[in-house]
Amino acid sequence: MNYYFVLTLSLLGYMTVWFIISVIKKRNDVADIAWGLWFVLMAWLSFLISGFLLKRFWSIFWYHLYPYSPRNR
């Protein structure tokens, strides 16, 4: 699945929920705060979706820890 499609759907769902909350509370600043927080959440979501964290973990493991395992002595 395309990353942009997932991010767009998550933005649509996230902002819809916060819009409904702001209408119920009759406060527009709730939606404004959610909009600002979305940029941070979108950065983390795109980072996690890309799989970079998992690839980085395994590259660090194999490069640094595997040479010292008992099987390699």
C-alpha atoms as a PDB file:
ATOM      1  CA  MET A   1       0.000   0.000   0.000  1.00  0.00           C
ATOM      2  CA  ASN A   2       1.204   3.472  -0.776  1.00  0.00           C
ATOM      3  CA  TYR A   3       2.520   5.481   2.185  1.00  0.00           C
ATOM      4  CA  TYR A   4       0.786   8.653   1.040  1.00  0.00           C
ATOM      5  CA  PHE A   5      -2.564   6.875   0.908  1.00  0.00           C
ATOM      6  CA  VAL A   6      -2.175   5.613   4.475  1.00  0.00           C
ATOM      7  CA  LEU A   7      -1.096   9.046   5.717  1.00  0.00           C
ATOM      8  CA  THR A   8      -4.025  10.702   3.928  1.00  0.00           C
ATOM      9  CA  LEU A   9      -6.535   8.279   5.429  1.00  0.00           C
ATOM     10  CA  SER A  10      -5.081   8.716   8.887  1.00  0.00           C
ATOM     11  CA  LEU A  11      -5.198  12.515   8.492  1.00  0.00           C
ATOM     12  CA  LEU A  12      -8.811  12.347   7.374  1.00  0.00           C
ATOM     13  CA  GLY A  13      -9.833  10.166  10.312  1.00  0.00           C
ATOM     14  CA  TYR A  14      -7.782  12.093  12.873  1.00  0.00           C
ATOM     15  CA  MET A  15      -9.052  15.517  11.850  1.00  0.00           C
ATOM     16  CA  THR A  16     -12.650  14.320  11.535  1.00  0.00           C
ATOM     17  CA  VAL A  17     -12.610  13.031  15.101  1.00  0.00           C
ATOM     18  CA  TRP A  18     -11.107  16.264  16.428  1.00  0.00           C
ATOM     19  CA  PHE A  19     -13.525  18.381  14.388  1.00  0.00           C
ATOM     20  CA  ILE A  20     -16.476  16.521  15.916  1.00  0.00           C
ATOM     21  CA  ILE A  21     -15.002  16.972  19.401  1.00  0.00           C
ATOM     22  CA  SER A  22     -14.530  20.712  18.798  1.00  0.00           C
ATOM     23  CA  VAL A  23     -18.118  21.069  17.537  1.00  0.00           C
ATOM     24  CA  ILE A  24     -19.484  19.223  20.576  1.00  0.00           C
ATOM     25  CA  LYS A  25     -17.446  21.365  22.961  1.00  0.00           C
ATOM     26  CA  LYS A  26     -18.106  24.516  20.860  1.00  0.00           C
ATOM     27  CA  ARG A  27     -14.446  25.431  21.005  1.00  0.00           C
ATOM     28  CA  ASN A  28     -12.383  25.943  17.864  1.00  0.00           C
ATOM     29  CA  ASP A  29      -9.059  25.951  19.677  1.00  0.00           C
ATOM     30  CA  VAL A  30      -9.368  22.191  20.219  1.00  0.00           C
ATOM     31  CA  ALA A  31      -9.181  21.618  16.463  1.00  0.00           C
ATOM     32  CA  ASP A  32      -6.290  24.100  16.169  1.00  0.00           C
ATOM     33  CA  ILE A  33      -4.252  22.241  18.786  1.00  0.00           C
ATOM     34  CA  ALA A  34      -5.031  18.936  17.091  1.00  0.00           C
ATOM     35  CA  TRP A  35      -3.905  20.384  13.756  1.00  0.00           C
ATOM     36  CA  GLY A  36      -0.538  21.371  15.226  1.00  0.00           C
ATOM     37  CA  LEU A  37      -0.108  18.012  16.920  1.00  0.00           C
ATOM     38  CA  TRP A  38      -0.871  16.244  13.652  1.00  0.00           C
ATOM     39  CA  PHE A  39       2.420  17.376  12.105  1.00  0.00           C
ATOM     40  CA  VAL A  40       4.319  15.618  14.869  1.00  0.00           C
ATOM     41  CA  LEU A  41       2.146  12.510  14.651  1.00  0.00           C
ATOM     42  CA  MET A  42       2.447  12.410  10.866  1.00  0.00           C
ATOM     43  CA  ALA A  43       6.231  12.504  11.118  1.00  0.00           C
ATOM     44  CA  TRP A  44       6.254   9.589  13.572  1.00  0.00           C
ATOM     45  CA  LEU A  45       3.652   7.643  11.603  1.00  0.00           C
ATOM     46  CA  SER A  46       5.557   8.005   8.350  1.00  0.00           C
ATOM     47  CA  PHE A  47       8.741   6.981  10.168  1.00  0.00           C
ATOM     48  CA  LEU A  48       7.087   3.830  11.529  1.00  0.00           C
ATOM     49  CA  ILE A  49       5.315   2.941   8.280  1.00  0.00           C
ATOM     50  CA  SER A  50       8.513   3.179   6.285  1.00  0.00           C
ATOM     51  CA  GLY A  51      10.068   0.385   8.337  1.00  0.00           C
ATOM     52  CA  PHE A  52      13.255   2.374   8.806  1.00  0.00           C
ATOM     53  CA  LEU A  53      13.305   1.743  12.543  1.00  0.00           C
ATOM     54  CA  LEU A  54      13.175  -2.016  12.106  1.00  0.00           C
ATOM     55  CA  LYS A  55      15.849  -1.996   9.397  1.00  0.00           C
ATOM     56  CA  ARG A  56      18.040   0.232  11.524  1.00  0.00           C
ATOM     57  CA  PHE A  57      17.680  -2.060  14.543  1.00  0.00           C
ATOM     58  CA  TRP A  58      18.729  -5.159  12.605  1.00  0.00           C
ATOM     59  CA  SER A  59      21.653  -3.410  10.954  1.00  0.00           C
ATOM     60  CA  ILE A  60      22.924  -2.272  14.358  1.00  0.00           C
ATOM     61  CA  PHE A  61      22.391  -5.744  15.818  1.00  0.00           C
ATOM     62  CA  TRP A  62      24.221  -7.603  13.069  1.00  0.00           C
ATOM     63  CA  TYR A  63      27.033  -5.105  12.803  1.00  0.00           C
ATOM     64  CA  HIS A  64      27.747  -4.589  16.506  1.00  0.00           C
ATOM     65  CA  LEU A  65      26.434  -7.553  18.458  1.00  0.00           C
ATOM     66  CA  TYR A  66      26.668 -10.549  16.174  1.00  0.00           C
ATOM     67  CA  PRO A  67      30.491 -10.597  15.887  1.00  0.00           C
ATOM     68  CA  TYR A  68      30.730 -11.098  19.659  1.00  0.00           C
ATOM     69  CA  SER A  69      28.339 -14.026  19.827  1.00  0.00           C
ATOM     70  CA  PRO A  70      29.693 -17.380  21.089  1.00  0.00           C
ATOM     71  CA  ARG A  71      29.058 -18.970  17.693  1.00  0.00           C
ATOM     72  CA  ASN A  72      31.709 -16.810  16.069  1.00  0.00           C
ATOM     73  CA  ARG A  73      34.581 -17.644  18.396  1.00  0.00           C
END
